[in-house]
Amino acid sequence: MRNQTGIFYQHPAGSLVSLDQGKVPLPIFVISWGAIPIRGHPQYSFPAVTMTVFGPTKELIEYHLFDDSLMLRPKLEIKVFERLLAITNEAFYRFDALQKSNLVKQFGP
């Protein structure tokens, strides 16, 4: 997690540890594969998929899929996009698994 005063990570004991204290680089792994050519510039390409993983917790930080042909299922079409975005993060975090599943039924195809 990055903030304006430095880089921090969640210590297993629960406290935030600053890199300024320990001067230890964070093990962050960036994985990418595949190649999608850039239109008009065949000598350049960008990856079809990228992931960023935080090493200590093995937590997925980012995931980007740029080639839909890699998916077995069709794209998830969201109905009433504005109503879904109106749900605050705080409210969403309080949802249980069933409520989250119902969001897919309510706003999906």
PDB file of N, CA and C in Angstrom:
ATOM      1  N   MET A   1       0.855  -1.170   0.000  1.00  0.00           N
ATOM      2  CA  MET A   1       0.000   0.000   0.000  1.00  0.00           C
ATOM      3  C   MET A   1       0.899   1.231   0.000  1.00  0.00           C
ATOM      4  N   ARG A   2       0.670   2.168  -0.854  1.00  0.00           N
ATOM      5  CA  ARG A   2       1.509   3.354  -0.961  1.00  0.00           C
ATOM      6  C   ARG A   2       0.737   4.552  -0.414  1.00  0.00           C
ATOM      7  N   ASN A   3       1.439   5.379   0.361  1.00  0.00           N
ATOM      8  CA  ASN A   3       0.823   6.635   0.767  1.00  0.00           C
ATOM      9  C   ASN A   3       1.816   7.761   0.520  1.00  0.00           C
ATOM     10  N   GLN A   4       1.490   8.957   0.887  1.00  0.00           N
ATOM     11  CA  GLN A   4       2.325  10.096   0.527  1.00  0.00           C
ATOM     12  C   GLN A   4       3.621  10.165   1.325  1.00  0.00           C
ATOM     13  N   THR A   5       3.699   9.551   2.481  1.00  0.00           N
ATOM     14  CA  THR A   5       4.900   9.686   3.304  1.00  0.00           C
ATOM     15  C   THR A   5       5.845   8.516   3.179  1.00  0.00           C
ATOM     16  N   GLY A   6       5.506   7.484   2.474  1.00  0.00           N
ATOM     17  CA  GLY A   6       6.405   6.357   2.321  1.00  0.00           C
ATOM     18  C   GLY A   6       5.661   5.126   1.868  1.00  0.00           C
ATOM     19  N   ILE A   7       6.352   4.023   1.856  1.00  0.00           N
ATOM     20  CA  ILE A   7       5.761   2.759   1.460  1.00  0.00           C
ATOM     21  C   ILE A   7       5.614   1.901   2.698  1.00  0.00           C
ATOM     22  N   PHE A   8       4.436   1.305   2.875  1.00  0.00           N
ATOM     23  CA  PHE A   8       4.142   0.525   4.060  1.00  0.00           C
ATOM     24  C   PHE A   8       3.647  -0.848   3.647  1.00  0.00           C
ATOM     25  N   TYR A   9       3.785  -1.798   4.540  1.00  0.00           N
ATOM     26  CA  TYR A   9       3.148  -3.092   4.331  1.00  0.00           C
ATOM     27  C   TYR A   9       2.575  -3.565   5.642  1.00  0.00           C
ATOM     28  N   GLN A  10       1.607  -4.430   5.552  1.00  0.00           N
ATOM     29  CA  GLN A  10       0.932  -4.949   6.736  1.00  0.00           C
ATOM     30  C   GLN A  10       1.783  -6.051   7.344  1.00  0.00           C
ATOM     31  N   HIS A  11       2.262  -5.837   8.535  1.00  0.00           N
ATOM     32  CA  HIS A  11       3.050  -6.837   9.251  1.00  0.00           C
ATOM     33  C   HIS A  11       2.111  -7.951   9.689  1.00  0.00           C
ATOM     34  N   PRO A  12       2.577  -9.218   9.726  1.00  0.00           N
ATOM     35  CA  PRO A  12       1.686 -10.313  10.134  1.00  0.00           C
ATOM     36  C   PRO A  12       1.014 -10.085  11.489  1.00  0.00           C
ATOM     37  N   ALA A  13       1.647  -9.318  12.364  1.00  0.00           N
ATOM     38  CA  ALA A  13       1.046  -9.040  13.672  1.00  0.00           C
ATOM     39  C   ALA A  13      -0.072  -8.004  13.574  1.00  0.00           C
ATOM     40  N   GLY A  14      -0.227  -7.370  12.414  1.00  0.00           N
ATOM     41  CA  GLY A  14      -1.331  -6.436  12.222  1.00  0.00           C
ATOM     42  C   GLY A  14      -0.923  -4.984  12.150  1.00  0.00           C
ATOM     43  N   SER A  15       0.294  -4.630  12.573  1.00  0.00           N
ATOM     44  CA  SER A  15       0.705  -3.239  12.551  1.00  0.00           C
ATOM     45  C   SER A  15       1.293  -2.885  11.184  1.00  0.00           C
ATOM     46  N   LEU A  16       1.232  -1.601  10.859  1.00  0.00           N
ATOM     47  CA  LEU A  16       1.847  -1.145   9.619  1.00  0.00           C
ATOM     48  C   LEU A  16       3.323  -0.884   9.883  1.00  0.00           C
ATOM     49  N   VAL A  17       4.163  -1.384   9.003  1.00  0.00           N
ATOM     50  CA  VAL A  17       5.600  -1.222   9.157  1.00  0.00           C
ATOM     51  C   VAL A  17       6.088  -0.349   8.017  1.00  0.00           C
ATOM     52  N   SER A  18       6.826   0.707   8.344  1.00  0.00           N
ATOM     53  CA  SER A  18       7.331   1.614   7.333  1.00  0.00           C
ATOM     54  C   SER A  18       8.669   1.129   6.804  1.00  0.00           C
ATOM     55  N   LEU A  19       8.879   1.311   5.522  1.00  0.00           N
ATOM     56  CA  LEU A  19      10.178   0.962   4.947  1.00  0.00           C
ATOM     57  C   LEU A  19      11.267   1.857   5.508  1.00  0.00           C
ATOM     58  N   ASP A  20      10.906   3.074   5.927  1.00  0.00           N
ATOM     59  CA  ASP A  20      11.903   3.976   6.492  1.00  0.00           C
ATOM     60  C   ASP A  20      12.512   3.384   7.755  1.00  0.00           C
ATOM     61  N   GLN A  21      11.770   2.559   8.480  1.00  0.00           N
ATOM     62  CA  GLN A  21      12.277   1.945   9.705  1.00  0.00           C
ATOM     63  C   GLN A  21      13.263   0.836   9.399  1.00  0.00           C
ATOM     64  N   GLY A  22      12.909  -0.037   8.459  1.00  0.00           N
ATOM     65  CA  GLY A  22      13.730  -1.200   8.210  1.00  0.00           C
ATOM     66  C   GLY A  22      14.555  -1.130   6.945  1.00  0.00           C
ATOM     67  N   LYS A  23      14.230  -0.206   6.056  1.00  0.00           N
ATOM     68  CA  LYS A  23      14.927  -0.076   4.781  1.00  0.00           C
ATOM     69  C   LYS A  23      15.016  -1.405   4.048  1.00  0.00           C
ATOM     70  N   VAL A  24      13.884  -2.108   4.001  1.00  0.00           N
ATOM     71  CA  VAL A  24      13.823  -3.404   3.339  1.00  0.00           C
ATOM     72  C   VAL A  24      12.942  -3.266   2.101  1.00  0.00           C
ATOM     73  N   PRO A  25      13.442  -3.663   0.926  1.00  0.00           N
ATOM     74  CA  PRO A  25      12.582  -3.576  -0.260  1.00  0.00           C
ATOM     75  C   PRO A  25      11.427  -4.577  -0.167  1.00  0.00           C
ATOM     76  N   LEU A  26      10.293  -4.160  -0.663  1.00  0.00           N
ATOM     77  CA  LEU A  26       9.120  -5.024  -0.640  1.00  0.00           C
ATOM     78  C   LEU A  26       9.175  -6.014  -1.797  1.00  0.00           C
ATOM     79  N   PRO A  27       8.914  -7.281  -1.540  1.00  0.00           N
ATOM     80  CA  PRO A  27       8.893  -8.261  -2.625  1.00  0.00           C
ATOM     81  C   PRO A  27       7.552  -8.212  -3.367  1.00  0.00           C
ATOM     82  N   ILE A  28       7.548  -7.455  -4.442  1.00  0.00           N
ATOM     83  CA  ILE A  28       6.361  -7.340  -5.286  1.00  0.00           C
ATOM     84  C   ILE A  28       6.707  -7.976  -6.620  1.00  0.00           C
ATOM     85  N   PHE A  29       5.860  -8.887  -7.069  1.00  0.00           N
ATOM     86  CA  PHE A  29       6.118  -9.619  -8.296  1.00  0.00           C
ATOM     87  C   PHE A  29       5.142  -9.174  -9.370  1.00  0.00           C
ATOM     88  N   VAL A  30       5.668  -8.802 -10.521  1.00  0.00           N
ATOM     89  CA  VAL A  30       4.854  -8.402 -11.656  1.00  0.00           C
ATOM     90  C   VAL A  30       5.015  -9.484 -12.718  1.00  0.00           C
ATOM     91  N   ILE A  31       3.907 -10.100 -13.073  1.00  0.00           N
ATOM     92  CA  ILE A  31       3.901 -11.198 -14.028  1.00  0.00           C
ATOM     93  C   ILE A  31       3.124 -10.742 -15.256  1.00  0.00           C
ATOM     94  N   SER A  32       3.665 -10.994 -16.418  1.00  0.00           N
ATOM     95  CA  SER A  32       2.933 -10.673 -17.644  1.00  0.00           C
ATOM     96  C   SER A  32       3.228 -11.740 -18.682  1.00  0.00           C
ATOM     97  N   TRP A  33       2.257 -11.986 -19.545  1.00  0.00           N
ATOM     98  CA  TRP A  33       2.477 -12.951 -20.615  1.00  0.00           C
ATOM     99  C   TRP A  33       1.570 -12.636 -21.790  1.00  0.00           C
ATOM    100  N   GLY A  34       1.944 -13.230 -22.909  1.00  0.00           N
ATOM    101  CA  GLY A  34       1.214 -12.985 -24.141  1.00  0.00           C
ATOM    102  C   GLY A  34       1.695 -11.699 -24.792  1.00  0.00           C
ATOM    103  N   ALA A  35       1.303 -11.493 -26.002  1.00  0.00           N
ATOM    104  CA  ALA A  35       1.680 -10.279 -26.717  1.00  0.00           C
ATOM    105  C   ALA A  35       0.554  -9.874 -27.656  1.00  0.00           C
ATOM    106  N   ILE A  36       0.132  -8.633 -27.522  1.00  0.00           N
ATOM    107  CA  ILE A  36      -0.883  -8.073 -28.405  1.00  0.00           C
ATOM    108  C   ILE A  36      -0.189  -6.966 -29.192  1.00  0.00           C
ATOM    109  N   PRO A  37      -0.113  -7.105 -30.514  1.00  0.00           N
ATOM    110  CA  PRO A  37       0.562  -6.068 -31.306  1.00  0.00           C
ATOM    111  C   PRO A  37      -0.196  -4.748 -31.245  1.00  0.00           C
ATOM    112  N   ILE A  38       0.562  -3.676 -31.249  1.00  0.00           N
ATOM    113  CA  ILE A  38      -0.035  -2.340 -31.248  1.00  0.00           C
ATOM    114  C   ILE A  38      -0.325  -1.951 -32.690  1.00  0.00           C
ATOM    115  N   ARG A  39      -1.578  -1.593 -32.933  1.00  0.00           N
ATOM    116  CA  ARG A  39      -2.031  -1.263 -34.289  1.00  0.00           C
ATOM    117  C   ARG A  39      -1.177  -0.129 -34.870  1.00  0.00           C
ATOM    118  N   GLY A  40      -0.682  -0.370 -36.050  1.00  0.00           N
ATOM    119  CA  GLY A  40       0.127   0.642 -36.723  1.00  0.00           C
ATOM    120  C   GLY A  40       1.599   0.591 -36.352  1.00  0.00           C
ATOM    121  N   HIS A  41       1.946  -0.193 -35.334  1.00  0.00           N
ATOM    122  CA  HIS A  41       3.337  -0.322 -34.889  1.00  0.00           C
ATOM    123  C   HIS A  41       3.625  -1.797 -34.612  1.00  0.00           C
ATOM    124  N   PRO A  42       3.756  -2.613 -35.645  1.00  0.00           N
ATOM    125  CA  PRO A  42       3.907  -4.055 -35.443  1.00  0.00           C
ATOM    126  C   PRO A  42       5.169  -4.444 -34.676  1.00  0.00           C
ATOM    127  N   GLN A  43       6.143  -3.541 -34.584  1.00  0.00           N
ATOM    128  CA  GLN A  43       7.362  -3.858 -33.845  1.00  0.00           C
ATOM    129  C   GLN A  43       7.152  -3.771 -32.329  1.00  0.00           C
ATOM    130  N   TYR A  44       6.028  -3.214 -31.900  1.00  0.00           N
ATOM    131  CA  TYR A  44       5.742  -3.076 -30.478  1.00  0.00           C
ATOM    132  C   TYR A  44       4.522  -3.918 -30.105  1.00  0.00           C
ATOM    133  N   SER A  45       4.496  -4.352 -28.864  1.00  0.00           N
ATOM    134  CA  SER A  45       3.330  -5.084 -28.362  1.00  0.00           C
ATOM    135  C   SER A  45       3.202  -4.832 -26.869  1.00  0.00           C
ATOM    136  N   PHE A  46       2.044  -5.159 -26.330  1.00  0.00           N
ATOM    137  CA  PHE A  46       1.861  -5.118 -24.884  1.00  0.00           C
ATOM    138  C   PHE A  46       1.318  -6.466 -24.452  1.00  0.00           C
ATOM    139  N   PRO A  47       1.488  -6.806 -23.164  1.00  0.00           N
ATOM    140  CA  PRO A  47       1.085  -8.144 -22.718  1.00  0.00           C
ATOM    141  C   PRO A  47      -0.418  -8.354 -22.778  1.00  0.00           C
ATOM    142  N   ALA A  48      -0.805  -9.608 -22.990  1.00  0.00           N
ATOM    143  CA  ALA A  48      -2.223  -9.955 -23.004  1.00  0.00           C
ATOM    144  C   ALA A  48      -2.787  -9.987 -21.590  1.00  0.00           C
ATOM    145  N   VAL A  49      -1.947 -10.347 -20.614  1.00  0.00           N
ATOM    146  CA  VAL A  49      -2.365 -10.439 -19.213  1.00  0.00           C
ATOM    147  C   VAL A  49      -1.226  -9.933 -18.336  1.00  0.00           C
ATOM    148  N   THR A  50      -1.567  -9.153 -17.307  1.00  0.00           N
ATOM    149  CA  THR A  50      -0.578  -8.763 -16.303  1.00  0.00           C
ATOM    150  C   THR A  50      -1.170  -8.975 -14.917  1.00  0.00           C
ATOM    151  N   MET A  51      -0.295  -9.306 -13.975  1.00  0.00           N
ATOM    152  CA  MET A  51      -0.688  -9.469 -12.572  1.00  0.00           C
ATOM    153  C   MET A  51       0.404  -8.860 -11.699  1.00  0.00           C
ATOM    154  N   THR A  52       0.012  -8.322 -10.570  1.00  0.00           N
ATOM    155  CA  THR A  52       0.955  -7.864  -9.561  1.00  0.00           C
ATOM    156  C   THR A  52       0.592  -8.581  -8.271  1.00  0.00           C
ATOM    157  N   VAL A  53       1.582  -9.234  -7.647  1.00  0.00           N
ATOM    158  CA  VAL A  53       1.365 -10.022  -6.437  1.00  0.00           C
ATOM    159  C   VAL A  53       2.279  -9.493  -5.343  1.00  0.00           C
ATOM    160  N   PHE A  54       1.727  -9.286  -4.145  1.00  0.00           N
ATOM    161  CA  PHE A  54       2.512  -8.876  -2.985  1.00  0.00           C
ATOM    162  C   PHE A  54       3.073 -10.126  -2.333  1.00  0.00           C
ATOM    163  N   GLY A  55       4.394 -10.269  -2.357  1.00  0.00           N
ATOM    164  CA  GLY A  55       5.072 -11.483  -1.939  1.00  0.00           C
ATOM    165  C   GLY A  55       4.771 -11.987  -0.539  1.00  0.00           C
ATOM    166  N   PRO A  56       4.875 -11.143   0.511  1.00  0.00           N
ATOM    167  CA  PRO A  56       4.689 -11.668   1.875  1.00  0.00           C
ATOM    168  C   PRO A  56       3.336 -12.317   2.116  1.00  0.00           C
ATOM    169  N   THR A  57       2.288 -11.774   1.508  1.00  0.00           N
ATOM    170  CA  THR A  57       0.947 -12.319   1.753  1.00  0.00           C
ATOM    171  C   THR A  57       0.415 -13.114   0.564  1.00  0.00           C
ATOM    172  N   LYS A  58       1.154 -13.099  -0.549  1.00  0.00           N
ATOM    173  CA  LYS A  58       0.725 -13.743  -1.797  1.00  0.00           C
ATOM    174  C   LYS A  58      -0.615 -13.175  -2.283  1.00  0.00           C
ATOM    175  N   GLU A  59      -0.872 -11.928  -1.907  1.00  0.00           N
ATOM    176  CA  GLU A  59      -2.127 -11.258  -2.261  1.00  0.00           C
ATOM    177  C   GLU A  59      -2.038 -10.682  -3.674  1.00  0.00           C
ATOM    178  N   LEU A  60      -3.082 -10.908  -4.460  1.00  0.00           N
ATOM    179  CA  LEU A  60      -3.175 -10.344  -5.796  1.00  0.00           C
ATOM    180  C   LEU A  60      -3.506  -8.862  -5.660  1.00  0.00           C
ATOM    181  N   ILE A  61      -2.612  -8.017  -6.137  1.00  0.00           N
ATOM    182  CA  ILE A  61      -2.810  -6.571  -6.028  1.00  0.00           C
ATOM    183  C   ILE A  61      -3.532  -6.038  -7.254  1.00  0.00           C
ATOM    184  N   GLU A  62      -3.089  -6.461  -8.429  1.00  0.00           N
ATOM    185  CA  GLU A  62      -3.700  -6.027  -9.683  1.00  0.00           C
ATOM    186  C   GLU A  62      -3.801  -7.206 -10.635  1.00  0.00           C
ATOM    187  N   TYR A  63      -4.798  -7.139 -11.498  1.00  0.00           N
ATOM    188  CA  TYR A  63      -4.973  -8.150 -12.530  1.00  0.00           C
ATOM    189  C   TYR A  63      -5.602  -7.459 -13.728  1.00  0.00           C
ATOM    190  N   HIS A  64      -4.956  -7.580 -14.874  1.00  0.00           N
ATOM    191  CA  HIS A  64      -5.482  -6.952 -16.086  1.00  0.00           C
ATOM    192  C   HIS A  64      -5.490  -7.976 -17.206  1.00  0.00           C
ATOM    193  N   LEU A  65      -6.639  -8.138 -17.823  1.00  0.00           N
ATOM    194  CA  LEU A  65      -6.799  -9.039 -18.956  1.00  0.00           C
ATOM    195  C   LEU A  65      -7.141  -8.185 -20.166  1.00  0.00           C
ATOM    196  N   PHE A  66      -6.239  -8.158 -21.132  1.00  0.00           N
ATOM    197  CA  PHE A  66      -6.428  -7.305 -22.297  1.00  0.00           C
ATOM    198  C   PHE A  66      -6.865  -8.085 -23.531  1.00  0.00           C
ATOM    199  N   ASP A  67      -6.933  -9.400 -23.431  1.00  0.00           N
ATOM    200  CA  ASP A  67      -7.332 -10.231 -24.572  1.00  0.00           C
ATOM    201  C   ASP A  67      -8.509 -11.091 -24.158  1.00  0.00           C
ATOM    202  N   ASP A  68      -9.715 -10.687 -24.566  1.00  0.00           N
ATOM    203  CA  ASP A  68     -10.938 -11.395 -24.172  1.00  0.00           C
ATOM    204  C   ASP A  68     -10.994 -12.818 -24.698  1.00  0.00           C
ATOM    205  N   SER A  69     -10.213 -13.128 -25.719  1.00  0.00           N
ATOM    206  CA  SER A  69     -10.248 -14.489 -26.262  1.00  0.00           C
ATOM    207  C   SER A  69      -9.683 -15.506 -25.274  1.00  0.00           C
ATOM    208  N   LEU A  70      -9.016 -15.053 -24.228  1.00  0.00           N
ATOM    209  CA  LEU A  70      -8.475 -15.959 -23.219  1.00  0.00           C
ATOM    210  C   LEU A  70      -9.538 -16.423 -22.222  1.00  0.00           C
ATOM    211  N   MET A  71     -10.695 -15.812 -22.246  1.00  0.00           N
ATOM    212  CA  MET A  71     -11.769 -16.176 -21.321  1.00  0.00           C
ATOM    213  C   MET A  71     -12.663 -17.244 -21.942  1.00  0.00           C
ATOM    214  N   LEU A  72     -13.079 -18.192 -21.120  1.00  0.00           N
ATOM    215  CA  LEU A  72     -13.990 -19.228 -21.594  1.00  0.00           C
ATOM    216  C   LEU A  72     -15.439 -18.759 -21.550  1.00  0.00           C
ATOM    217  N   ARG A  73     -15.730 -17.856 -20.639  1.00  0.00           N
ATOM    218  CA  ARG A  73     -17.081 -17.327 -20.512  1.00  0.00           C
ATOM    219  C   ARG A  73     -17.194 -16.000 -21.247  1.00  0.00           C
ATOM    220  N   PRO A  74     -18.407 -15.625 -21.657  1.00  0.00           N
ATOM    221  CA  PRO A  74     -18.566 -14.311 -22.290  1.00  0.00           C
ATOM    222  C   PRO A  74     -18.389 -13.202 -21.256  1.00  0.00           C
ATOM    223  N   LYS A  75     -18.171 -11.996 -21.744  1.00  0.00           N
ATOM    224  CA  LYS A  75     -18.028 -10.837 -20.863  1.00  0.00           C
ATOM    225  C   LYS A  75     -19.263 -10.694 -19.978  1.00  0.00           C
ATOM    226  N   LEU A  76     -19.050 -10.231 -18.765  1.00  0.00           N
ATOM    227  CA  LEU A  76     -20.156  -9.944 -17.861  1.00  0.00           C
ATOM    228  C   LEU A  76     -20.745  -8.595 -18.244  1.00  0.00           C
ATOM    229  N   GLU A  77     -21.958  -8.608 -18.685  1.00  0.00           N
ATOM    230  CA  GLU A  77     -22.647  -7.372 -19.045  1.00  0.00           C
ATOM    231  C   GLU A  77     -23.335  -6.829 -17.794  1.00  0.00           C
ATOM    232  N   ILE A  78     -23.069  -5.586 -17.462  1.00  0.00           N
ATOM    233  CA  ILE A  78     -23.642  -4.983 -16.253  1.00  0.00           C
ATOM    234  C   ILE A  78     -24.805  -4.095 -16.654  1.00  0.00           C
ATOM    235  N   LYS A  79     -25.968  -4.387 -16.038  1.00  0.00           N
ATOM    236  CA  LYS A  79     -27.152  -3.563 -16.262  1.00  0.00           C
ATOM    237  C   LYS A  79     -27.204  -2.512 -15.155  1.00  0.00           C
ATOM    238  N   VAL A  80     -27.703  -1.376 -15.437  1.00  0.00           N
ATOM    239  CA  VAL A  80     -27.899  -0.295 -14.466  1.00  0.00           C
ATOM    240  C   VAL A  80     -26.576  -0.005 -13.737  1.00  0.00           C
ATOM    241  N   PHE A  81     -25.569   0.301 -14.518  1.00  0.00           N
ATOM    242  CA  PHE A  81     -24.221   0.522 -14.034  1.00  0.00           C
ATOM    243  C   PHE A  81     -24.164   1.573 -12.926  1.00  0.00           C
ATOM    244  N   GLU A  82     -24.924   2.654 -13.056  1.00  0.00           N
ATOM    245  CA  GLU A  82     -24.900   3.743 -12.085  1.00  0.00           C
ATOM    246  C   GLU A  82     -25.376   3.275 -10.703  1.00  0.00           C
ATOM    247  N   ARG A  83     -26.397   2.404 -10.673  1.00  0.00           N
ATOM    248  CA  ARG A  83     -26.905   1.910  -9.381  1.00  0.00           C
ATOM    249  C   ARG A  83     -25.861   1.035  -8.689  1.00  0.00           C
ATOM    250  N   LEU A  84     -25.114   0.267  -9.454  1.00  0.00           N
ATOM    251  CA  LEU A  84     -24.063  -0.566  -8.878  1.00  0.00           C
ATOM    252  C   LEU A  84     -22.947   0.311  -8.302  1.00  0.00           C
ATOM    253  N   LEU A  85     -22.563   1.346  -9.018  1.00  0.00           N
ATOM    254  CA  LEU A  85     -21.515   2.247  -8.527  1.00  0.00           C
ATOM    255  C   LEU A  85     -21.967   3.066  -7.329  1.00  0.00           C
ATOM    256  N   ALA A  86     -23.269   3.195  -7.136  1.00  0.00           N
ATOM    257  CA  ALA A  86     -23.782   3.961  -5.996  1.00  0.00           C
ATOM    258  C   ALA A  86     -23.571   3.240  -4.672  1.00  0.00           C
ATOM    259  N   ILE A  87     -23.266   1.946  -4.695  1.00  0.00           N
ATOM    260  CA  ILE A  87     -22.999   1.195  -3.464  1.00  0.00           C
ATOM    261  C   ILE A  87     -21.619   1.607  -2.962  1.00  0.00           C
ATOM    262  N   THR A  88     -21.552   2.137  -1.765  1.00  0.00           N
ATOM    263  CA  THR A  88     -20.272   2.598  -1.223  1.00  0.00           C
ATOM    264  C   THR A  88     -19.390   1.405  -0.856  1.00  0.00           C
ATOM    265  N   ASN A  89     -18.087   1.639  -0.789  1.00  0.00           N
ATOM    266  CA  ASN A  89     -17.157   0.590  -0.371  1.00  0.00           C
ATOM    267  C   ASN A  89     -17.512   0.075   1.018  1.00  0.00           C
ATOM    268  N   GLU A  90     -17.856   0.995   1.915  1.00  0.00           N
ATOM    269  CA  GLU A  90     -18.182   0.603   3.285  1.00  0.00           C
ATOM    270  C   GLU A  90     -19.381  -0.346   3.309  1.00  0.00           C
ATOM    271  N   ALA A  91     -20.399  -0.030   2.514  1.00  0.00           N
ATOM    272  CA  ALA A  91     -21.576  -0.893   2.460  1.00  0.00           C
ATOM    273  C   ALA A  91     -21.223  -2.239   1.836  1.00  0.00           C
ATOM    274  N   PHE A  92     -20.422  -2.228   0.762  1.00  0.00           N
ATOM    275  CA  PHE A  92     -20.043  -3.467   0.099  1.00  0.00           C
ATOM    276  C   PHE A  92     -19.238  -4.373   1.034  1.00  0.00           C
ATOM    277  N   TYR A  93     -18.327  -3.814   1.807  1.00  0.00           N
ATOM    278  CA  TYR A  93     -17.511  -4.615   2.721  1.00  0.00           C
ATOM    279  C   TYR A  93     -18.350  -5.294   3.803  1.00  0.00           C
ATOM    280  N   ARG A  94     -19.517  -4.744   4.094  1.00  0.00           N
ATOM    281  CA  ARG A  94     -20.403  -5.356   5.101  1.00  0.00           C
ATOM    282  C   ARG A  94     -21.247  -6.487   4.508  1.00  0.00           C
ATOM    283  N   PHE A  95     -21.287  -6.608   3.183  1.00  0.00           N
ATOM    284  CA  PHE A  95     -22.071  -7.674   2.544  1.00  0.00           C
ATOM    285  C   PHE A  95     -21.478  -9.033   2.874  1.00  0.00           C
ATOM    286  N   ASP A  96     -22.352 -10.024   3.075  1.00  0.00           N
ATOM    287  CA  ASP A  96     -21.872 -11.401   3.219  1.00  0.00           C
ATOM    288  C   ASP A  96     -21.797 -12.026   1.820  1.00  0.00           C
ATOM    289  N   ALA A  97     -21.354 -13.277   1.750  1.00  0.00           N
ATOM    290  CA  ALA A  97     -21.154 -13.943   0.457  1.00  0.00           C
ATOM    291  C   ALA A  97     -22.447 -14.018  -0.352  1.00  0.00           C
ATOM    292  N   LEU A  98     -23.566 -14.274   0.310  1.00  0.00           N
ATOM    293  CA  LEU A  98     -24.846 -14.366  -0.392  1.00  0.00           C
ATOM    294  C   LEU A  98     -25.236 -13.017  -0.989  1.00  0.00           C
ATOM    295  N   GLN A  99     -25.063 -11.949  -0.222  1.00  0.00           N
ATOM    296  CA  GLN A  99     -25.404 -10.617  -0.726  1.00  0.00           C
ATOM    297  C   GLN A  99     -24.533 -10.248  -1.929  1.00  0.00           C
ATOM    298  N   LYS A 100     -23.246 -10.601  -1.873  1.00  0.00           N
ATOM    299  CA  LYS A 100     -22.361 -10.326  -3.008  1.00  0.00           C
ATOM    300  C   LYS A 100     -22.781 -11.140  -4.223  1.00  0.00           C
ATOM    301  N   SER A 101     -23.159 -12.379  -4.001  1.00  0.00           N
ATOM    302  CA  SER A 101     -23.625 -13.226  -5.095  1.00  0.00           C
ATOM    303  C   SER A 101     -24.908 -12.653  -5.709  1.00  0.00           C
ATOM    304  N   ASN A 102     -25.777 -12.133  -4.865  1.00  0.00           N
ATOM    305  CA  ASN A 102     -27.027 -11.546  -5.355  1.00  0.00           C
ATOM    306  C   ASN A 102     -26.787 -10.303  -6.200  1.00  0.00           C
ATOM    307  N   LEU A 103     -25.662  -9.596  -5.956  1.00  0.00           N
ATOM    308  CA  LEU A 103     -25.335  -8.446  -6.797  1.00  0.00           C
ATOM    309  C   LEU A 103     -25.147  -8.880  -8.240  1.00  0.00           C
ATOM    310  N   VAL A 104     -24.494 -10.012  -8.436  1.00  0.00           N
ATOM    311  CA  VAL A 104     -24.281 -10.520  -9.790  1.00  0.00           C
ATOM    312  C   VAL A 104     -25.626 -10.819 -10.431  1.00  0.00           C
ATOM    313  N   LYS A 105     -26.535 -11.424  -9.684  1.00  0.00           N
ATOM    314  CA  LYS A 105     -27.864 -11.731 -10.227  1.00  0.00           C
ATOM    315  C   LYS A 105     -28.651 -10.461 -10.506  1.00  0.00           C
ATOM    316  N   GLN A 106     -28.504  -9.472  -9.608  1.00  0.00           N
ATOM    317  CA  GLN A 106     -29.285  -8.239  -9.734  1.00  0.00           C
ATOM    318  C   GLN A 106     -28.784  -7.362 -10.883  1.00  0.00           C
ATOM    319  N   PHE A 107     -27.466  -7.240 -11.042  1.00  0.00           N
ATOM    320  CA  PHE A 107     -26.924  -6.307 -12.022  1.00  0.00           C
ATOM    321  C   PHE A 107     -26.372  -6.982 -13.262  1.00  0.00           C
ATOM    322  N   GLY A 108     -26.256  -8.308 -13.250  1.00  0.00           N
ATOM    323  CA  GLY A 108     -25.713  -9.042 -14.401  1.00  0.00           C
ATOM    324  C   GLY A 108     -26.773  -9.350 -15.433  1.00  0.00           C
ATOM    325  N   PRO A 109     -26.389 -10.162 -16.396  1.00  0.00           N
ATOM    326  CA  PRO A 109     -27.322 -10.487 -17.483  1.00  0.00           C
ATOM    327  C   PRO A 109     -28.467 -11.378 -17.034  1.00  0.00           C
TER     328      PRO A 109
END
